N, C-alpha and C. Protein backbone atom coordinates (compact mmCIF):
# COMPACT_ATOMS: atom_id res chain seq x y z
N MET A 1 144.17 -104.18 153.91
CA MET A 1 143.01 -105.04 153.60
C MET A 1 141.85 -104.17 153.12
N PHE A 2 141.16 -104.62 152.08
CA PHE A 2 140.01 -103.92 151.50
C PHE A 2 140.38 -102.50 151.06
N GLU A 3 141.49 -102.38 150.36
CA GLU A 3 141.96 -101.06 149.93
C GLU A 3 141.27 -100.57 148.67
N THR A 4 140.69 -101.48 147.89
CA THR A 4 140.05 -101.09 146.64
C THR A 4 138.53 -101.09 146.78
N LEU A 5 137.87 -100.38 145.86
CA LEU A 5 136.41 -100.35 145.85
C LEU A 5 135.85 -101.75 145.59
N MET A 6 136.51 -102.50 144.72
CA MET A 6 136.06 -103.87 144.41
C MET A 6 136.08 -104.73 145.66
N SER A 7 137.17 -104.68 146.42
CA SER A 7 137.28 -105.53 147.61
C SER A 7 136.25 -105.12 148.66
N LYS A 8 136.02 -103.82 148.82
CA LYS A 8 135.01 -103.35 149.76
C LYS A 8 133.62 -103.84 149.36
N THR A 9 133.31 -103.69 148.07
CA THR A 9 131.99 -104.09 147.58
C THR A 9 131.75 -105.58 147.77
N PHE A 10 132.74 -106.39 147.42
CA PHE A 10 132.53 -107.83 147.46
C PHE A 10 132.55 -108.39 148.89
N ILE A 11 133.23 -107.73 149.81
CA ILE A 11 133.17 -108.22 151.20
C ILE A 11 131.80 -107.91 151.79
N ILE A 12 131.23 -106.74 151.46
CA ILE A 12 129.88 -106.43 151.92
C ILE A 12 128.86 -107.38 151.28
N LEU A 13 129.04 -107.64 149.99
CA LEU A 13 128.12 -108.53 149.28
C LEU A 13 128.20 -109.95 149.83
N THR A 14 129.41 -110.43 150.10
CA THR A 14 129.58 -111.77 150.67
C THR A 14 128.95 -111.86 152.05
N PHE A 15 129.18 -110.85 152.87
CA PHE A 15 128.58 -110.78 154.20
C PHE A 15 127.06 -110.79 154.10
N SER A 16 126.50 -110.04 153.15
CA SER A 16 125.05 -109.93 152.98
C SER A 16 124.44 -111.24 152.52
N LEU A 17 125.05 -111.87 151.53
CA LEU A 17 124.52 -113.13 151.01
C LEU A 17 124.62 -114.25 152.05
N THR A 18 125.67 -114.21 152.87
CA THR A 18 125.82 -115.20 153.93
C THR A 18 124.71 -115.06 154.96
N LEU A 19 124.42 -113.83 155.37
CA LEU A 19 123.33 -113.59 156.32
C LEU A 19 121.98 -114.00 155.72
N ALA A 20 121.79 -113.68 154.44
CA ALA A 20 120.55 -114.07 153.77
C ALA A 20 120.40 -115.58 153.74
N TRP A 21 121.50 -116.28 153.50
CA TRP A 21 121.49 -117.75 153.47
C TRP A 21 121.09 -118.32 154.83
N PHE A 22 121.70 -117.83 155.90
CA PHE A 22 121.37 -118.32 157.23
C PHE A 22 119.92 -117.98 157.59
N GLY A 23 119.49 -116.77 157.24
CA GLY A 23 118.10 -116.39 157.49
C GLY A 23 117.13 -117.28 156.75
N CYS A 24 117.47 -117.60 155.51
CA CYS A 24 116.62 -118.46 154.68
C CYS A 24 116.55 -119.88 155.24
N MET A 25 117.69 -120.43 155.63
CA MET A 25 117.71 -121.80 156.15
C MET A 25 116.96 -121.92 157.48
N PHE A 26 117.14 -120.90 158.34
CA PHE A 26 116.43 -120.89 159.62
C PHE A 26 114.92 -120.82 159.39
N ALA A 27 114.51 -119.92 158.49
CA ALA A 27 113.08 -119.76 158.21
C ALA A 27 112.50 -120.99 157.54
N ALA A 28 113.29 -121.63 156.66
CA ALA A 28 112.79 -122.81 155.95
C ALA A 28 112.41 -123.91 156.93
N ARG A 29 113.17 -124.06 158.02
CA ARG A 29 112.84 -125.06 159.03
C ARG A 29 111.53 -124.72 159.74
N LEU A 30 111.37 -123.43 160.06
CA LEU A 30 110.13 -123.01 160.71
C LEU A 30 108.93 -123.21 159.78
N TYR A 31 109.09 -122.77 158.52
CA TYR A 31 108.01 -122.91 157.55
C TYR A 31 107.70 -124.38 157.28
N ASP A 32 108.74 -125.19 157.16
CA ASP A 32 108.54 -126.61 156.87
C ASP A 32 107.74 -127.28 157.98
N ARG A 33 108.09 -126.96 159.23
CA ARG A 33 107.36 -127.53 160.36
C ARG A 33 105.91 -127.05 160.37
N ALA A 34 105.71 -125.76 160.09
CA ALA A 34 104.35 -125.21 160.09
C ALA A 34 103.52 -125.78 158.95
N LEU A 35 104.14 -125.96 157.77
CA LEU A 35 103.41 -126.52 156.63
C LEU A 35 103.05 -127.97 156.86
N GLN A 36 103.95 -128.73 157.47
CA GLN A 36 103.65 -130.13 157.77
C GLN A 36 102.49 -130.26 158.75
N MET A 37 102.42 -129.34 159.70
CA MET A 37 101.34 -129.34 160.69
C MET A 37 100.11 -128.58 160.19
N GLN A 38 100.20 -128.07 158.95
CA GLN A 38 99.13 -127.27 158.36
C GLN A 38 98.76 -126.08 159.24
N ASP A 39 99.78 -125.53 159.86
CA ASP A 39 99.58 -124.36 160.72
C ASP A 39 99.77 -123.11 159.87
N TYR A 40 98.80 -122.82 159.01
CA TYR A 40 98.92 -121.72 158.07
C TYR A 40 98.92 -120.33 158.74
N PRO A 41 98.22 -120.15 159.87
CA PRO A 41 98.35 -118.86 160.57
C PRO A 41 99.79 -118.56 160.99
N ALA A 42 100.54 -119.60 161.36
CA ALA A 42 101.94 -119.40 161.74
C ALA A 42 102.77 -118.98 160.52
N VAL A 43 102.49 -119.61 159.38
CA VAL A 43 103.19 -119.25 158.15
C VAL A 43 102.93 -117.78 157.82
N LYS A 44 101.67 -117.37 157.94
CA LYS A 44 101.31 -115.98 157.66
C LYS A 44 102.00 -115.03 158.64
N LYS A 45 102.04 -115.43 159.92
CA LYS A 45 102.66 -114.59 160.94
C LYS A 45 104.14 -114.41 160.66
N TYR A 46 104.84 -115.51 160.37
CA TYR A 46 106.27 -115.41 160.06
C TYR A 46 106.51 -114.48 158.87
N THR A 47 105.68 -114.66 157.82
CA THR A 47 105.86 -113.90 156.60
C THR A 47 105.63 -112.40 156.82
N VAL A 48 104.58 -112.07 157.57
CA VAL A 48 104.25 -110.67 157.82
C VAL A 48 105.35 -109.98 158.62
N TRP A 49 105.83 -110.63 159.69
CA TRP A 49 106.86 -110.01 160.52
C TRP A 49 108.19 -109.88 159.77
N ALA A 50 108.51 -110.88 158.94
CA ALA A 50 109.74 -110.79 158.13
C ALA A 50 109.63 -109.65 157.13
N LEU A 51 108.44 -109.47 156.54
CA LEU A 51 108.24 -108.41 155.57
C LEU A 51 108.35 -107.04 156.23
N ILE A 52 107.76 -106.90 157.42
CA ILE A 52 107.83 -105.62 158.15
C ILE A 52 109.29 -105.28 158.48
N ALA A 53 110.03 -106.28 158.99
CA ALA A 53 111.44 -106.06 159.32
C ALA A 53 112.25 -105.72 158.07
N ASN A 54 111.94 -106.39 156.96
CA ASN A 54 112.67 -106.18 155.71
C ASN A 54 112.45 -104.77 155.17
N ILE A 55 111.20 -104.34 155.12
CA ILE A 55 110.88 -103.00 154.61
C ILE A 55 111.43 -101.93 155.53
N GLY A 56 111.25 -102.13 156.85
CA GLY A 56 111.76 -101.14 157.81
C GLY A 56 113.26 -100.98 157.74
N ALA A 57 113.98 -102.11 157.66
CA ALA A 57 115.44 -102.06 157.58
C ALA A 57 115.90 -101.38 156.29
N PHE A 58 115.21 -101.65 155.19
CA PHE A 58 115.59 -101.06 153.91
C PHE A 58 115.39 -99.55 153.91
N ILE A 59 114.26 -99.09 154.46
CA ILE A 59 114.00 -97.65 154.52
C ILE A 59 115.05 -96.95 155.38
N LEU A 60 115.34 -97.51 156.55
CA LEU A 60 116.36 -96.93 157.42
C LEU A 60 117.73 -96.94 156.75
N LEU A 61 118.02 -98.01 156.01
CA LEU A 61 119.30 -98.13 155.32
C LEU A 61 119.46 -97.03 154.27
N MET A 62 118.37 -96.72 153.55
CA MET A 62 118.43 -95.69 152.53
C MET A 62 118.74 -94.32 153.13
N PHE A 63 118.24 -94.06 154.33
CA PHE A 63 118.46 -92.76 154.96
C PHE A 63 119.78 -92.69 155.73
N MET A 64 120.31 -93.86 156.12
CA MET A 64 121.49 -93.86 156.98
C MET A 64 122.67 -94.60 156.38
N ARG A 65 122.68 -94.74 155.04
CA ARG A 65 123.75 -95.54 154.44
C ARG A 65 125.12 -94.87 154.52
N GLY A 66 125.16 -93.59 154.90
CA GLY A 66 126.44 -92.92 155.06
C GLY A 66 126.95 -92.93 156.48
N LEU A 67 126.21 -93.55 157.40
CA LEU A 67 126.60 -93.56 158.82
C LEU A 67 127.22 -94.91 159.18
N PHE A 68 128.52 -94.97 159.12
CA PHE A 68 129.26 -96.20 159.44
C PHE A 68 129.49 -96.25 160.96
N PRO A 69 129.29 -97.39 161.65
CA PRO A 69 128.95 -98.73 161.15
C PRO A 69 127.46 -99.06 161.18
N LEU A 70 126.60 -98.04 161.51
CA LEU A 70 125.16 -98.30 161.57
C LEU A 70 124.64 -98.80 160.23
N ASN A 71 125.19 -98.28 159.13
CA ASN A 71 124.73 -98.72 157.81
C ASN A 71 124.99 -100.21 157.59
N MET A 72 126.12 -100.70 158.12
CA MET A 72 126.43 -102.13 157.96
C MET A 72 125.49 -102.99 158.81
N LEU A 73 125.14 -102.51 160.00
CA LEU A 73 124.20 -103.25 160.85
C LEU A 73 122.82 -103.31 160.19
N LEU A 74 122.39 -102.20 159.60
CA LEU A 74 121.10 -102.17 158.91
C LEU A 74 121.12 -103.05 157.66
N MET A 75 122.28 -103.07 156.96
CA MET A 75 122.41 -103.96 155.81
C MET A 75 122.28 -105.40 156.25
N GLY A 76 122.87 -105.73 157.40
CA GLY A 76 122.77 -107.08 157.93
C GLY A 76 121.34 -107.44 158.26
N LEU A 77 120.60 -106.52 158.90
CA LEU A 77 119.20 -106.78 159.24
C LEU A 77 118.35 -106.92 157.98
N PHE A 78 118.62 -106.05 157.00
CA PHE A 78 117.86 -106.11 155.75
C PHE A 78 118.07 -107.44 155.03
N THR A 79 119.32 -107.87 154.91
CA THR A 79 119.60 -109.10 154.17
C THR A 79 119.14 -110.34 154.92
N ALA A 80 119.29 -110.35 156.25
CA ALA A 80 118.84 -111.50 157.04
C ALA A 80 117.32 -111.63 156.95
N SER A 81 116.60 -110.51 157.02
CA SER A 81 115.14 -110.56 156.96
C SER A 81 114.65 -110.92 155.56
N SER A 82 115.36 -110.45 154.53
CA SER A 82 114.97 -110.84 153.17
C SER A 82 115.22 -112.33 152.95
N GLY A 83 116.32 -112.84 153.52
CA GLY A 83 116.57 -114.28 153.46
C GLY A 83 115.49 -115.06 154.19
N PHE A 84 115.06 -114.55 155.34
CA PHE A 84 113.98 -115.19 156.09
C PHE A 84 112.71 -115.27 155.24
N SER A 85 112.42 -114.19 154.52
CA SER A 85 111.23 -114.17 153.66
C SER A 85 111.31 -115.23 152.56
N LEU A 86 112.52 -115.52 152.09
CA LEU A 86 112.69 -116.52 151.03
C LEU A 86 112.51 -117.95 151.56
N GLY A 87 112.52 -118.10 152.90
CA GLY A 87 112.40 -119.43 153.48
C GLY A 87 111.14 -120.16 153.09
N VAL A 88 110.06 -119.41 152.85
CA VAL A 88 108.79 -120.05 152.47
C VAL A 88 108.90 -120.70 151.10
N TYR A 89 109.68 -120.10 150.18
CA TYR A 89 109.91 -120.70 148.87
C TYR A 89 110.67 -122.02 149.02
N VAL A 90 111.71 -121.98 149.83
CA VAL A 90 112.56 -123.16 150.00
C VAL A 90 111.77 -124.30 150.66
N ALA A 91 110.93 -123.95 151.64
CA ALA A 91 110.14 -124.97 152.33
C ALA A 91 109.09 -125.60 151.41
N ALA A 92 108.48 -124.77 150.56
CA ALA A 92 107.40 -125.26 149.70
C ALA A 92 107.91 -125.92 148.42
N TYR A 93 109.05 -125.48 147.90
CA TYR A 93 109.57 -125.98 146.63
C TYR A 93 111.05 -126.31 146.76
N LYS A 94 111.36 -127.33 147.53
CA LYS A 94 112.76 -127.63 147.86
C LYS A 94 113.60 -127.94 146.63
N ASP A 95 113.13 -128.85 145.78
CA ASP A 95 113.90 -129.22 144.59
C ASP A 95 114.04 -128.04 143.63
N THR A 96 112.95 -127.30 143.47
CA THR A 96 112.98 -126.14 142.59
C THR A 96 113.94 -125.08 143.12
N ALA A 97 113.94 -124.90 144.45
CA ALA A 97 114.82 -123.91 145.07
C ALA A 97 116.29 -124.24 144.81
N GLN A 98 116.65 -125.51 144.88
CA GLN A 98 118.04 -125.91 144.66
C GLN A 98 118.47 -125.62 143.21
N LYS A 99 117.58 -125.92 142.26
CA LYS A 99 117.89 -125.66 140.86
C LYS A 99 117.97 -124.15 140.59
N ALA A 100 117.04 -123.39 141.17
CA ALA A 100 117.04 -121.94 140.98
C ALA A 100 118.29 -121.32 141.59
N LEU A 101 118.71 -121.84 142.74
CA LEU A 101 119.91 -121.33 143.39
C LEU A 101 121.14 -121.60 142.53
N ALA A 102 121.25 -122.81 141.98
CA ALA A 102 122.39 -123.15 141.13
C ALA A 102 122.43 -122.24 139.89
N LEU A 103 121.28 -122.01 139.28
CA LEU A 103 121.23 -121.14 138.10
C LEU A 103 121.55 -119.69 138.46
N THR A 104 121.12 -119.26 139.63
CA THR A 104 121.40 -117.90 140.08
C THR A 104 122.90 -117.70 140.29
N VAL A 105 123.54 -118.66 140.94
CA VAL A 105 124.99 -118.58 141.17
C VAL A 105 125.74 -118.55 139.84
N LEU A 106 125.36 -119.44 138.92
CA LEU A 106 126.03 -119.51 137.62
C LEU A 106 125.83 -118.21 136.84
N THR A 107 124.61 -117.70 136.83
CA THR A 107 124.31 -116.46 136.10
C THR A 107 125.08 -115.28 136.68
N THR A 108 125.12 -115.20 138.01
CA THR A 108 125.84 -114.10 138.66
C THR A 108 127.33 -114.15 138.31
N PHE A 109 127.91 -115.34 138.34
CA PHE A 109 129.33 -115.49 138.03
C PHE A 109 129.62 -115.10 136.58
N LEU A 110 128.80 -115.57 135.65
CA LEU A 110 129.04 -115.30 134.23
C LEU A 110 128.81 -113.83 133.90
N THR A 111 127.74 -113.25 134.43
CA THR A 111 127.49 -111.83 134.15
C THR A 111 128.59 -110.95 134.74
N GLY A 112 129.09 -111.35 135.91
CA GLY A 112 130.19 -110.59 136.51
C GLY A 112 131.43 -110.61 135.62
N LEU A 113 131.77 -111.79 135.11
CA LEU A 113 132.93 -111.90 134.23
C LEU A 113 132.75 -111.09 132.95
N ILE A 114 131.57 -111.23 132.32
CA ILE A 114 131.32 -110.54 131.06
C ILE A 114 131.32 -109.03 131.26
N ALA A 115 130.60 -108.56 132.30
CA ALA A 115 130.44 -107.12 132.50
C ALA A 115 131.74 -106.44 132.90
N MET A 116 132.59 -107.13 133.65
CA MET A 116 133.77 -106.49 134.20
C MET A 116 135.03 -106.69 133.37
N TYR A 117 135.06 -107.75 132.54
CA TYR A 117 136.31 -108.06 131.84
C TYR A 117 136.18 -108.17 130.32
N SER A 118 134.97 -108.00 129.77
CA SER A 118 134.81 -108.11 128.32
C SER A 118 135.18 -106.81 127.60
N GLY A 119 135.19 -105.70 128.34
CA GLY A 119 135.46 -104.41 127.70
C GLY A 119 134.23 -103.79 127.05
N LEU A 120 133.08 -104.45 127.15
CA LEU A 120 131.85 -103.94 126.56
C LEU A 120 131.19 -102.95 127.52
N ASP A 121 130.44 -102.02 126.95
CA ASP A 121 129.72 -101.02 127.74
C ASP A 121 128.24 -101.38 127.74
N PHE A 122 127.69 -101.65 128.93
CA PHE A 122 126.29 -102.06 129.05
C PHE A 122 125.40 -100.92 129.58
N ALA A 123 125.89 -99.68 129.50
CA ALA A 123 125.11 -98.55 129.99
C ALA A 123 123.79 -98.40 129.23
N TRP A 124 123.79 -98.78 127.95
CA TRP A 124 122.59 -98.64 127.12
C TRP A 124 121.42 -99.49 127.63
N LEU A 125 121.71 -100.48 128.45
CA LEU A 125 120.64 -101.34 128.98
C LEU A 125 119.76 -100.61 130.00
N GLY A 126 120.28 -99.56 130.60
CA GLY A 126 119.61 -98.92 131.73
C GLY A 126 118.16 -98.58 131.50
N LYS A 127 117.84 -97.86 130.42
CA LYS A 127 116.47 -97.40 130.21
C LYS A 127 115.52 -98.56 129.91
N PHE A 128 116.01 -99.58 129.21
CA PHE A 128 115.16 -100.73 128.91
C PHE A 128 114.89 -101.55 130.17
N LEU A 129 115.90 -101.69 131.01
CA LEU A 129 115.73 -102.43 132.26
C LEU A 129 114.76 -101.70 133.19
N PHE A 130 114.83 -100.38 133.21
CA PHE A 130 113.94 -99.60 134.06
C PHE A 130 112.49 -99.78 133.62
N ILE A 131 112.25 -99.77 132.32
CA ILE A 131 110.89 -99.98 131.80
C ILE A 131 110.40 -101.37 132.19
N GLY A 132 111.26 -102.38 132.03
CA GLY A 132 110.89 -103.74 132.42
C GLY A 132 110.58 -103.84 133.90
N LEU A 133 111.36 -103.15 134.72
CA LEU A 133 111.14 -103.16 136.16
C LEU A 133 109.80 -102.52 136.53
N ILE A 134 109.47 -101.42 135.86
CA ILE A 134 108.18 -100.76 136.11
C ILE A 134 107.02 -101.69 135.76
N VAL A 135 107.14 -102.41 134.66
CA VAL A 135 106.10 -103.36 134.25
C VAL A 135 105.92 -104.44 135.32
N ILE A 136 107.03 -104.96 135.84
CA ILE A 136 106.97 -105.99 136.88
C ILE A 136 106.30 -105.46 138.14
N VAL A 137 106.67 -104.24 138.55
CA VAL A 137 106.10 -103.64 139.76
C VAL A 137 104.60 -103.43 139.60
N ILE A 138 104.17 -102.88 138.46
CA ILE A 138 102.75 -102.63 138.22
C ILE A 138 101.97 -103.94 138.22
N PHE A 139 102.50 -104.95 137.54
CA PHE A 139 101.84 -106.25 137.50
C PHE A 139 101.72 -106.85 138.90
N SER A 140 102.77 -106.71 139.70
CA SER A 140 102.76 -107.25 141.06
C SER A 140 101.70 -106.55 141.92
N ILE A 141 101.56 -105.23 141.75
CA ILE A 141 100.55 -104.49 142.51
C ILE A 141 99.14 -104.92 142.09
N ILE A 142 98.93 -105.09 140.79
CA ILE A 142 97.62 -105.52 140.29
C ILE A 142 97.25 -106.88 140.84
N ARG A 143 98.25 -107.78 140.93
CA ARG A 143 97.98 -109.13 141.43
C ARG A 143 97.56 -109.15 142.89
N ILE A 144 97.90 -108.10 143.64
CA ILE A 144 97.47 -108.02 145.04
C ILE A 144 95.95 -107.89 145.12
N PHE A 145 95.36 -107.19 144.14
CA PHE A 145 93.93 -106.89 144.19
C PHE A 145 93.10 -107.74 143.24
N ALA A 146 93.73 -108.40 142.28
CA ALA A 146 92.96 -109.18 141.30
C ALA A 146 93.74 -110.42 140.90
N ARG A 147 93.01 -111.51 140.71
CA ARG A 147 93.63 -112.76 140.26
C ARG A 147 93.68 -112.74 138.73
N ILE A 148 94.87 -112.56 138.19
CA ILE A 148 95.04 -112.49 136.75
C ILE A 148 96.13 -113.46 136.31
N ARG A 149 96.07 -113.84 135.06
CA ARG A 149 97.08 -114.73 134.50
C ARG A 149 98.31 -113.93 134.06
N GLY A 150 99.32 -114.67 133.64
CA GLY A 150 100.53 -114.02 133.16
C GLY A 150 101.71 -114.19 134.07
N GLN A 151 101.58 -115.06 135.10
CA GLN A 151 102.69 -115.23 136.05
C GLN A 151 103.93 -115.77 135.35
N ARG A 152 103.74 -116.72 134.45
CA ARG A 152 104.90 -117.31 133.77
C ARG A 152 105.61 -116.27 132.90
N PHE A 153 104.83 -115.46 132.18
CA PHE A 153 105.43 -114.42 131.35
C PHE A 153 106.21 -113.43 132.20
N MET A 154 105.63 -113.04 133.35
CA MET A 154 106.30 -112.08 134.22
C MET A 154 107.56 -112.69 134.84
N ALA A 155 107.53 -114.00 135.09
CA ALA A 155 108.72 -114.67 135.62
C ALA A 155 109.84 -114.65 134.59
N VAL A 156 109.49 -114.91 133.33
CA VAL A 156 110.48 -114.85 132.24
C VAL A 156 111.03 -113.43 132.12
N LEU A 157 110.13 -112.44 132.17
CA LEU A 157 110.56 -111.05 132.09
C LEU A 157 111.49 -110.71 133.25
N GLY A 158 111.14 -111.20 134.44
CA GLY A 158 111.98 -110.96 135.61
C GLY A 158 113.38 -111.54 135.45
N VAL A 159 113.47 -112.74 134.88
CA VAL A 159 114.78 -113.36 134.66
C VAL A 159 115.62 -112.49 133.73
N PHE A 160 115.02 -112.00 132.65
CA PHE A 160 115.76 -111.16 131.71
C PHE A 160 116.14 -109.82 132.34
N VAL A 161 115.19 -109.21 133.05
CA VAL A 161 115.43 -107.89 133.63
C VAL A 161 116.55 -107.94 134.67
N PHE A 162 116.50 -108.92 135.58
CA PHE A 162 117.49 -108.94 136.66
C PHE A 162 118.84 -109.51 136.22
N THR A 163 118.83 -110.34 135.17
CA THR A 163 120.10 -110.72 134.56
C THR A 163 120.74 -109.49 133.90
N GLY A 164 119.89 -108.69 133.24
CA GLY A 164 120.37 -107.46 132.64
C GLY A 164 120.90 -106.49 133.67
N TYR A 165 120.22 -106.41 134.82
CA TYR A 165 120.69 -105.51 135.88
C TYR A 165 122.02 -105.97 136.47
N LEU A 166 122.24 -107.28 136.52
CA LEU A 166 123.55 -107.77 136.97
C LEU A 166 124.65 -107.30 136.02
N LEU A 167 124.40 -107.42 134.72
CA LEU A 167 125.36 -106.92 133.74
C LEU A 167 125.57 -105.41 133.91
N PHE A 168 124.48 -104.70 134.07
CA PHE A 168 124.52 -103.24 134.19
C PHE A 168 125.29 -102.79 135.44
N ASP A 169 124.98 -103.41 136.59
CA ASP A 169 125.61 -102.98 137.85
C ASP A 169 127.06 -103.43 137.97
N PHE A 170 127.37 -104.65 137.52
CA PHE A 170 128.78 -105.07 137.50
C PHE A 170 129.59 -104.18 136.57
N ASN A 171 128.99 -103.78 135.46
CA ASN A 171 129.66 -102.91 134.50
C ASN A 171 129.91 -101.53 135.09
N ARG A 172 128.93 -101.01 135.84
CA ARG A 172 129.11 -99.71 136.52
C ARG A 172 130.27 -99.78 137.52
N LEU A 173 130.33 -100.90 138.25
CA LEU A 173 131.40 -101.08 139.22
C LEU A 173 132.76 -101.11 138.53
N ALA A 174 132.83 -101.79 137.39
CA ALA A 174 134.10 -101.87 136.65
C ALA A 174 134.56 -100.51 136.17
N LYS A 175 133.61 -99.63 135.84
CA LYS A 175 133.96 -98.31 135.32
C LYS A 175 134.54 -97.39 136.39
N VAL A 176 134.07 -97.52 137.63
CA VAL A 176 134.49 -96.57 138.67
C VAL A 176 135.50 -97.17 139.65
N LYS A 177 135.90 -98.42 139.44
CA LYS A 177 136.77 -99.08 140.41
C LYS A 177 138.12 -98.38 140.57
N ALA A 178 138.56 -97.66 139.52
CA ALA A 178 139.85 -96.98 139.58
C ALA A 178 139.73 -95.51 139.96
N VAL A 179 138.51 -95.04 140.20
CA VAL A 179 138.29 -93.64 140.56
C VAL A 179 138.53 -93.48 142.06
N ALA A 180 139.53 -92.70 142.41
CA ALA A 180 139.92 -92.57 143.82
C ALA A 180 138.80 -92.01 144.68
N ALA A 181 138.03 -91.05 144.15
CA ALA A 181 136.96 -90.43 144.94
C ALA A 181 135.84 -91.40 145.26
N ALA A 182 135.71 -92.45 144.48
CA ALA A 182 134.64 -93.43 144.70
C ALA A 182 135.06 -94.56 145.63
N ASN A 183 136.34 -94.58 145.99
CA ASN A 183 136.86 -95.68 146.81
C ASN A 183 136.57 -95.43 148.29
N ASN A 184 135.32 -95.68 148.67
CA ASN A 184 134.92 -95.52 150.06
C ASN A 184 133.82 -96.53 150.38
N TRP A 185 133.55 -96.70 151.67
CA TRP A 185 132.59 -97.72 152.10
C TRP A 185 131.16 -97.38 151.71
N GLU A 186 130.82 -96.10 151.63
CA GLU A 186 129.45 -95.73 151.25
C GLU A 186 129.16 -96.11 149.80
N THR A 187 130.12 -95.82 148.90
CA THR A 187 129.95 -96.21 147.50
C THR A 187 129.91 -97.72 147.37
N ALA A 188 130.78 -98.42 148.10
CA ALA A 188 130.80 -99.88 148.07
C ALA A 188 129.47 -100.44 148.55
N LEU A 189 128.89 -99.82 149.59
CA LEU A 189 127.60 -100.28 150.10
C LEU A 189 126.51 -100.09 149.06
N ASP A 190 126.53 -98.96 148.36
CA ASP A 190 125.54 -98.70 147.31
C ASP A 190 125.61 -99.78 146.23
N PHE A 191 126.82 -100.11 145.79
CA PHE A 191 126.98 -101.17 144.79
C PHE A 191 126.53 -102.52 145.33
N ALA A 192 126.89 -102.80 146.57
CA ALA A 192 126.52 -104.08 147.18
C ALA A 192 125.01 -104.23 147.29
N ILE A 193 124.32 -103.14 147.65
CA ILE A 193 122.85 -103.19 147.74
C ILE A 193 122.26 -103.49 146.37
N SER A 194 122.73 -102.79 145.35
CA SER A 194 122.20 -102.98 143.99
C SER A 194 122.40 -104.41 143.51
N ILE A 195 123.62 -104.93 143.66
CA ILE A 195 123.93 -106.28 143.17
C ILE A 195 123.20 -107.32 144.01
N TYR A 196 123.10 -107.09 145.32
CA TYR A 196 122.36 -108.01 146.18
C TYR A 196 120.90 -108.11 145.74
N LEU A 197 120.26 -106.97 145.48
CA LEU A 197 118.87 -106.98 145.04
C LEU A 197 118.72 -107.66 143.68
N ASP A 198 119.69 -107.46 142.79
CA ASP A 198 119.67 -108.14 141.49
C ASP A 198 119.68 -109.66 141.69
N ILE A 199 120.56 -110.13 142.56
CA ILE A 199 120.70 -111.58 142.78
C ILE A 199 119.45 -112.17 143.40
N ILE A 200 118.92 -111.52 144.43
CA ILE A 200 117.74 -112.03 145.13
C ILE A 200 116.52 -112.05 144.20
N ASN A 201 116.34 -110.98 143.44
CA ASN A 201 115.19 -110.92 142.54
C ASN A 201 115.32 -111.88 141.37
N LEU A 202 116.55 -112.13 140.92
CA LEU A 202 116.77 -113.15 139.90
C LEU A 202 116.39 -114.52 140.44
N PHE A 203 116.80 -114.82 141.67
CA PHE A 203 116.46 -116.09 142.30
C PHE A 203 114.95 -116.26 142.42
N ILE A 204 114.24 -115.20 142.85
CA ILE A 204 112.78 -115.27 142.98
C ILE A 204 112.13 -115.47 141.61
N SER A 205 112.62 -114.78 140.59
CA SER A 205 112.06 -114.92 139.24
C SER A 205 112.25 -116.35 138.72
N LEU A 206 113.44 -116.92 138.95
CA LEU A 206 113.68 -118.30 138.53
C LEU A 206 112.79 -119.27 139.29
N MET A 207 112.58 -119.00 140.59
CA MET A 207 111.69 -119.83 141.39
C MET A 207 110.27 -119.78 140.83
N ASN A 208 109.80 -118.57 140.53
CA ASN A 208 108.45 -118.41 139.99
C ASN A 208 108.30 -119.10 138.64
N LEU A 209 109.33 -118.99 137.81
CA LEU A 209 109.28 -119.62 136.49
C LEU A 209 109.25 -121.13 136.62
N MET A 210 110.11 -121.69 137.44
CA MET A 210 110.17 -123.15 137.59
C MET A 210 108.93 -123.71 138.28
N SER A 211 108.41 -123.00 139.25
CA SER A 211 107.21 -123.49 139.95
C SER A 211 105.98 -123.40 139.06
N SER A 212 105.93 -122.37 138.17
CA SER A 212 104.80 -122.27 137.24
C SER A 212 104.88 -123.36 136.18
N ASN A 213 106.11 -123.77 135.82
CA ASN A 213 106.27 -124.87 134.87
C ASN A 213 105.80 -126.18 135.47
N ASN A 214 105.85 -126.29 136.82
CA ASN A 214 105.45 -127.51 137.50
C ASN A 214 104.03 -127.43 138.05
């Protein structure tokens, strides 16, 4: 069981997305109750603690991703806390969240098929995607300190960037899947983290785009 790099990667990814889903659904109920009661301090408290847990788990995961099974436990904490953070989107924009989720699933499936079975090489996307990612990060930091326009444009850019990263990362996985030296749980975890982040950020970008349209 799980003898190939592909099977290792996808079992970790499935485990991670499942935990994120449960974390999101649990948080959505808490957020929904707090929003209905207009208990905004509670919403802020939930969000802050989820963010602290998410960042802390991710930092520890980066340093300990070679320590099995601690790396898997940290991956579980990271994905569950990131799912919890998404609960506020689901509670505030339920219909939009369902549409964004459907589009995210469809995009992930199609990019996986194209990147892994088309025979095309998407390595050339790397430098352009990195530039786009830097633009998104800088814009996000600026928005913390100043109220500026451009959210819709950045949401569109995010959709393109993270769709591109799905193509890029699935394509990387397809290239090394037959390399014996890469067939280990640490490499599978690295791929799972990358693809998981692509999926989550694509979902957030679609949510931002759809909510700005409304």
